Each structure stands twice: as C-alpha cells, then as structure tokens.
Protein backbone atom coordinates (compact mmCIF):
# COMPACT_ATOMS: atom_id res chain seq x y z
CA MET A 1 -11.30 -109.44 32.97
CA ASN A 2 -14.65 -110.63 34.60
CA GLU A 3 -12.95 -113.45 36.17
CA LEU A 4 -10.31 -110.61 37.77
CA TYR A 5 -13.37 -108.35 38.68
CA LEU A 6 -14.66 -111.28 40.30
CA VAL A 7 -11.88 -111.50 43.06
CA SER A 8 -11.16 -107.97 42.86
CA ASP A 9 -12.10 -105.02 45.50
CA ASP A 10 -12.82 -101.55 44.37
CA ASN A 11 -9.36 -100.27 44.44
CA GLN A 12 -8.50 -103.64 42.60
CA LYS A 13 -10.81 -102.95 39.77
CA VAL A 14 -9.47 -99.44 39.38
CA MET A 15 -5.98 -100.46 38.76
CA ILE A 16 -7.51 -103.47 35.88
CA ASP A 17 -8.99 -100.75 34.09
CA ASP A 18 -5.98 -98.74 34.10
CA LEU A 19 -3.90 -101.27 33.35
CA PHE A 20 -6.14 -102.92 30.16
CA LYS A 21 -8.66 -100.55 29.22
CA ARG A 22 -6.55 -96.93 29.55
CA VAL A 23 -3.07 -95.55 28.78
CA VAL A 24 -2.05 -94.37 32.42
CA PHE A 25 1.14 -93.26 33.66
CA HIS A 26 2.13 -91.37 37.20
CA ASP A 27 4.70 -89.08 38.33
CA PHE A 28 5.74 -89.89 41.85
CA THR A 29 8.07 -87.61 43.65
CA LEU A 30 9.35 -87.75 46.84
CA HIS A 31 10.33 -84.35 48.20
CA SER A 32 11.50 -84.93 51.64
CA ALA A 33 12.04 -87.62 54.57
CA LYS A 34 13.08 -86.87 57.97
CA SER A 35 12.79 -89.54 60.77
CA THR A 36 12.91 -89.12 64.48
CA GLN A 37 13.22 -91.43 67.29
CA LEU A 38 10.32 -91.71 69.29
CA THR A 39 10.12 -92.13 73.27
CA ASN A 40 9.28 -95.71 72.92
CA GLY A 41 12.56 -96.46 71.11
CA ASN A 42 10.97 -96.69 67.26
CA TYR A 43 11.28 -94.17 64.27
CA GLU A 44 8.77 -91.86 62.87
CA THR A 45 9.11 -91.37 59.34
CA GLU A 46 7.70 -88.15 57.55
CA MET A 47 7.56 -87.70 53.98
CA ASP A 48 6.29 -85.21 51.47
CA ILE A 49 4.95 -86.98 48.50
CA SER A 50 3.70 -85.75 44.85
CA THR A 51 1.43 -88.16 43.29
CA VAL A 52 0.37 -87.28 39.84
CA LYS A 53 -1.73 -89.27 37.48
CA PHE A 54 -1.89 -89.02 33.65
CA PHE A 55 -4.32 -90.79 31.18
CA LEU A 56 -4.15 -90.63 27.57
CA ASN A 57 -7.27 -89.09 26.41
CA PRO A 58 -8.43 -91.01 23.01
CA GLU A 59 -10.86 -88.31 22.02
CA THR A 60 -7.70 -85.73 21.69
CA ASN A 61 -4.75 -88.18 21.94
CA LYS A 62 -3.39 -85.82 24.50
CA GLU A 63 -2.21 -86.66 27.90
CA GLN A 64 -4.17 -85.04 30.63
CA THR A 65 -3.75 -85.10 34.57
CA GLU A 66 -6.47 -87.06 36.45
CA LEU A 67 -6.58 -86.86 40.50
CA ILE A 68 -5.21 -89.76 41.97
CA ASP A 69 -7.19 -91.77 44.34
CA ASP A 70 -5.36 -95.06 44.80
CA SER A 71 -3.28 -96.71 47.70
CA LEU A 72 0.19 -97.06 46.93
CA ASP A 73 3.18 -99.05 48.76
CA ILE A 74 5.75 -96.90 50.55
CA ALA A 75 8.85 -98.90 51.86
CA LEU A 76 11.62 -97.87 54.27
CA TYR A 77 14.79 -99.48 53.70
CA SER A 78 18.29 -99.98 55.88
CA GLY A 79 20.15 -99.03 52.52
CA PHE A 80 19.72 -97.81 49.13
CA PRO A 81 16.93 -100.36 47.86
CA GLU A 82 18.45 -103.43 46.56
CA VAL A 83 16.48 -105.38 43.57
CA ASP A 84 15.33 -108.04 45.66
CA ASN A 85 14.34 -105.73 48.76
CA THR A 86 16.58 -108.23 51.07
CA ASN A 87 17.36 -104.74 52.96
CA MET A 88 13.33 -103.62 52.97
CA LEU A 89 12.64 -102.98 56.86
CA LEU A 90 8.92 -101.88 56.33
CA ILE A 91 6.24 -101.50 53.32
CA GLN A 92 3.09 -99.80 54.03
CA LYS A 93 0.11 -99.62 52.04
CA VAL A 94 -0.93 -95.19 51.90
CA LYS A 95 -4.20 -94.15 50.27
CA PHE A 96 -3.52 -90.98 48.16
CA ASN A 97 -6.32 -88.81 46.79
CA LYS A 98 -4.72 -85.34 46.21
CA GLU A 99 -1.53 -84.53 44.21
CA ARG A 100 0.82 -83.26 47.59
CA THR A 101 0.54 -85.71 51.00
CA ARG A 102 2.69 -85.82 54.32
CA VAL A 103 2.87 -89.38 55.00
CA THR A 104 3.91 -90.62 58.61
CA ILE A 105 4.92 -94.15 59.00
CA GLU A 106 6.57 -95.74 62.42
CA SER A 107 9.36 -98.75 62.58
CA ASN A 108 11.37 -100.32 64.44
CA GLU A 109 14.41 -99.50 62.84
CA LYS A 110 15.72 -96.21 61.48
CA PRO A 111 15.62 -96.01 57.71
CA SER A 112 18.25 -94.60 56.01
CA HIS A 113 15.74 -94.69 52.61
CA VAL A 114 12.36 -94.46 51.31
CA ASN A 115 10.62 -95.66 48.20
CA ILE A 116 7.44 -95.05 46.78
CA ASP A 117 5.99 -97.69 44.36
CA PRO A 118 8.93 -99.81 45.39
CA ASN A 119 7.60 -103.46 43.19
CA ARG A 120 7.04 -100.93 40.29
CA PHE A 121 3.40 -101.84 40.14
CA ARG A 122 2.52 -98.35 38.35
CA ILE A 123 4.12 -96.82 35.10
CA ASP A 124 6.17 -93.90 36.10
CA ARG A 125 8.52 -92.23 33.55
CA ASN A 126 10.99 -90.93 35.91
CA LEU A 127 12.30 -93.51 38.84
CA VAL A 128 14.95 -91.78 40.11
CA ASP A 129 12.81 -89.46 42.50
CA ASN A 130 10.91 -92.30 44.08
CA VAL A 131 13.80 -92.69 46.17
CA LEU A 132 15.13 -90.54 48.82
CA SER A 133 17.39 -90.66 51.74
CA VAL A 134 16.15 -90.23 55.25
CA ASP A 135 17.56 -86.98 57.03
C-alpha cells in the first residue's frame, strides 16, 4: 500500500483507505435532471444529487454515516447508458462534500440520461437510482 500512496494525491489516498482499510458503502441518488439549451448552442444539464457515505464502525459493528468529501464521476449519455459506455457524451469529476448537491454540467449535445459513478468505483447497494432520464 505504501507504493500506492507514493503515486497518489490526497483524494486517491482516501479512496485507497476506504477500499483496503475500512468497510465503506455509498448511497448515490439522482433526484432530478433537466437540460436547457444555451444561446451558444450547447446544453446545460442541472442535477439534484444525494451522496451518502456509510462505514462499518469496528468498535460497535454497526453501520454509521459519514460526511462525504470526494470527487465522483458524473456522465451524460445519448441514451440509456451502455455497459461499455459507447454512448457516453461526457464524463466529469465533481467534488461532493455534503449530502445533497446541485450540479450543473455543460455539453455539446443534449443528453437523454445522466449517471453518477458510471464506472462503479464505489460500492453502492442500489444502482437503480444512479441513472436518471433527463427532462
């Protein structure tokens, strides 16, 4: 693990600890997503996203919530997300540090769907609410 730490930034070190030193789960939920065309022809997609982080407390053996402080990928798609991401229009890292956040992403094309953590780097027990169609 020391070799991983040597080539990692602070955010990556937190992720390494979460993956190898602790039992961590997430609950990501896309509540809404709306896209509007801008005067320059691009599209602005605004999303309302919940990001909850849980960890297993080794002293009590109970799950507890913890404030998230992490950058997560948000992806825009031209249809329901394909497993191989062939219809991904754009992917962008977004910093999350509270339970509910409004995020705005600009793209060249109008997306039909959005997905949080599309490559499933985090463990989320309910993936159904990670994808949402765009209004």
